Amino acid sequence: MSNVLSLAPLFRQSIGFDRFNDLFESALRSENGSSYPPYNVEKHGDDQYRIVVAAAGLQEEDLELQVERDVLTVTGGKRERASEDVTYLHQGIAQRAFKLSFRLADHIEVRGASLKNGLLSIELVRIIPEEAKPKRIAINGQRPALEG
């Protein structure tokens, strides 16, 4: 018995959802991955979202955000500070390098990011272009005249 999830029945009545299968596969692959650092994905209204990443001990120059082909990637890591001469007796705040990836749906754009009190907030908004909004199609019994 196989535990592979088949989405073939969904694709029989769907057009253009080819990436949907890839989304499920990547989610299942990353389920066993690391959960560091902790993060929240929040919805604020119909078209506004926020990702909040716990980035304790990191500064703006320790973090990098990049969007490429509808994937938002957040990377971070504590850079070596030559001027610090610190011996930790106990170091409970993890400052290891990390990489988080989020697949963005169509028309989702990153509006900005801020780092405050050890929390990296990434603001996202859905902007649906005019050509992607629903259109009413008129039905008439006459065929348009062909030019030429």
Protein backbone atom coordinates (compact mmCIF):
# COMPACT_ATOMS: atom_id res chain seq x y z
CA MET A 1 0.00 0.00 0.00
CA SER A 2 1.36 3.36 -0.99
CA ASN A 3 0.93 6.52 1.05
CA VAL A 4 1.47 8.80 -1.96
CA LEU A 5 -1.20 11.45 -2.35
CA SER A 6 -2.61 11.62 -5.86
CA LEU A 7 -4.22 14.86 -6.95
CA ALA A 8 -5.16 13.54 -10.40
CA PRO A 9 -8.93 13.60 -9.69
CA LEU A 10 -8.72 17.32 -8.90
CA PHE A 11 -6.93 18.11 -12.16
CA ARG A 12 -9.70 16.57 -14.29
CA GLN A 13 -11.89 19.61 -13.66
CA SER A 14 -9.19 22.23 -13.15
CA ILE A 15 -7.24 24.21 -15.67
CA GLY A 16 -3.95 25.93 -14.92
CA PHE A 17 -3.31 24.45 -11.46
CA ASP A 18 -0.14 22.63 -12.51
CA ARG A 19 1.89 24.23 -9.70
CA PHE A 20 -0.66 23.07 -7.12
CA ASN A 21 0.84 19.58 -7.08
CA ASP A 22 4.33 21.05 -6.60
CA LEU A 23 3.02 23.06 -3.65
CA PHE A 24 1.76 19.93 -1.89
CA GLU A 25 4.97 18.04 -2.60
CA SER A 26 7.18 20.81 -1.21
CA ALA A 27 4.94 21.11 1.88
CA LEU A 28 5.21 17.39 2.54
CA ARG A 29 9.00 17.49 2.06
CA SER A 30 9.46 20.42 4.44
CA GLU A 31 7.19 18.90 7.11
CA ASN A 32 10.17 16.96 8.43
CA GLY A 33 12.46 19.99 8.18
CA SER A 34 13.62 22.39 10.85
CA SER A 35 11.17 24.70 12.59
CA TYR A 36 13.85 27.26 13.45
CA PRO A 37 13.27 30.11 13.83
CA PRO A 38 9.64 30.14 14.94
CA TYR A 39 7.31 32.28 12.83
CA ASN A 40 3.68 33.27 12.44
CA VAL A 41 1.68 33.77 9.26
CA GLU A 42 -1.12 36.26 9.90
CA LYS A 43 -4.07 37.42 7.83
CA HIS A 44 -5.21 41.03 8.28
CA GLY A 45 -8.28 41.58 6.12
CA ASP A 46 -9.11 40.02 2.79
CA ASP A 47 -5.94 41.01 0.96
CA GLN A 48 -3.33 41.76 3.65
CA TYR A 49 -0.95 39.29 5.22
CA ARG A 50 2.03 39.43 7.56
CA ILE A 51 4.82 36.97 8.30
CA VAL A 52 6.44 37.50 11.71
CA VAL A 53 9.77 35.75 12.29
CA ALA A 54 11.40 35.52 15.73
CA ALA A 55 14.87 36.92 15.05
CA ALA A 56 16.21 37.31 18.58
CA GLY A 57 19.70 38.76 18.73
CA LEU A 58 19.82 39.57 15.01
CA GLN A 59 20.15 43.00 13.48
CA GLU A 60 19.00 44.27 10.07
CA GLU A 61 22.39 43.57 8.49
CA ASP A 62 22.16 39.93 9.68
CA LEU A 63 18.96 39.32 7.67
CA GLU A 64 18.22 39.10 3.95
CA LEU A 65 14.89 38.92 2.12
CA GLN A 66 14.56 37.94 -1.52
CA VAL A 67 11.63 37.20 -3.84
CA GLU A 68 12.29 35.08 -6.90
CA ARG A 69 9.68 33.29 -9.02
CA ASP A 70 6.92 33.69 -6.40
CA VAL A 71 9.08 32.34 -3.56
CA LEU A 72 9.95 34.62 -0.64
CA THR A 73 13.20 33.53 1.02
CA VAL A 74 14.29 34.84 4.42
CA THR A 75 17.87 34.06 5.42
CA GLY A 76 19.67 35.07 8.55
CA GLY A 77 22.69 34.38 10.64
CA LYS A 78 24.78 36.11 13.23
CA ARG A 79 27.83 37.66 11.60
CA GLU A 80 31.11 37.41 13.44
CA ARG A 81 31.86 40.51 15.44
CA ALA A 82 35.62 40.92 15.85
CA SER A 83 35.21 43.71 18.43
CA GLU A 84 33.25 41.52 20.87
CA ASP A 85 35.32 39.85 23.55
CA VAL A 86 32.61 37.84 25.28
CA THR A 87 32.79 34.48 27.01
CA TYR A 88 29.33 32.98 27.43
CA LEU A 89 28.73 31.17 30.70
CA HIS A 90 25.35 30.10 29.30
CA GLN A 91 24.07 30.84 25.79
CA GLY A 92 20.37 30.02 25.54
CA ILE A 93 19.50 32.40 22.68
CA ALA A 94 20.03 30.51 19.45
CA GLN A 95 21.82 32.58 16.85
CA ARG A 96 22.41 29.95 14.21
CA ALA A 97 21.96 30.54 10.52
CA PHE A 98 18.57 29.81 8.99
CA LYS A 99 16.68 29.88 5.72
CA LEU A 100 12.89 30.03 5.46
CA SER A 101 11.01 29.84 2.16
CA PHE A 102 7.40 30.82 1.53
CA ARG A 103 5.63 30.18 -1.78
CA LEU A 104 3.53 33.22 -2.63
CA ALA A 105 0.19 32.89 -4.39
CA ASP A 106 -0.49 34.76 -7.60
CA HIS A 107 -0.68 38.55 -7.21
CA ILE A 108 0.87 38.57 -3.70
CA GLU A 109 3.51 41.28 -3.34
CA VAL A 110 5.92 42.07 -0.52
CA ARG A 111 5.22 45.64 0.61
CA GLY A 112 8.00 45.99 3.16
CA ALA A 113 9.74 44.60 6.21
CA SER A 114 10.72 45.89 9.63
CA LEU A 115 12.69 44.58 12.59
CA LYS A 116 11.46 45.63 16.01
CA ASN A 117 11.98 44.03 19.43
CA GLY A 118 13.55 40.92 17.88
CA LEU A 119 10.62 40.30 15.51
CA LEU A 120 11.00 40.58 11.75
CA SER A 121 7.64 41.60 10.25
CA ILE A 122 7.13 41.15 6.51
CA GLU A 123 4.07 42.89 5.08
CA LEU A 124 2.34 41.26 2.10
CA VAL A 125 -0.63 42.38 0.05
CA ARG A 126 -2.70 40.80 -2.72
CA ILE A 127 -3.08 43.17 -5.67
CA ILE A 128 -5.35 41.76 -8.33
CA PRO A 129 -4.74 43.43 -11.69
CA GLU A 130 -7.72 44.67 -13.67
CA GLU A 131 -7.32 41.94 -16.30
CA ALA A 132 -7.55 39.23 -13.62
CA LYS A 133 -10.77 40.53 -12.06
CA PRO A 134 -14.09 38.88 -12.97
CA LYS A 135 -15.71 40.18 -16.17
CA ARG A 136 -19.30 39.87 -17.28
CA ILE A 137 -19.58 38.50 -20.80
CA ALA A 138 -22.55 39.71 -22.81
CA ILE A 139 -24.53 37.10 -24.67
CA ASN A 140 -26.05 38.15 -27.97
CA GLY A 141 -27.53 36.13 -30.76
CA GLN A 142 -25.64 37.86 -33.53
CA ARG A 143 -22.17 37.02 -34.67
CA PRO A 144 -19.79 39.96 -35.01
CA ALA A 145 -19.18 41.05 -38.56
CA LEU A 146 -15.82 39.95 -39.92
CA GLU A 147 -13.69 42.66 -41.43
CA GLY A 148 -11.76 42.17 -44.56
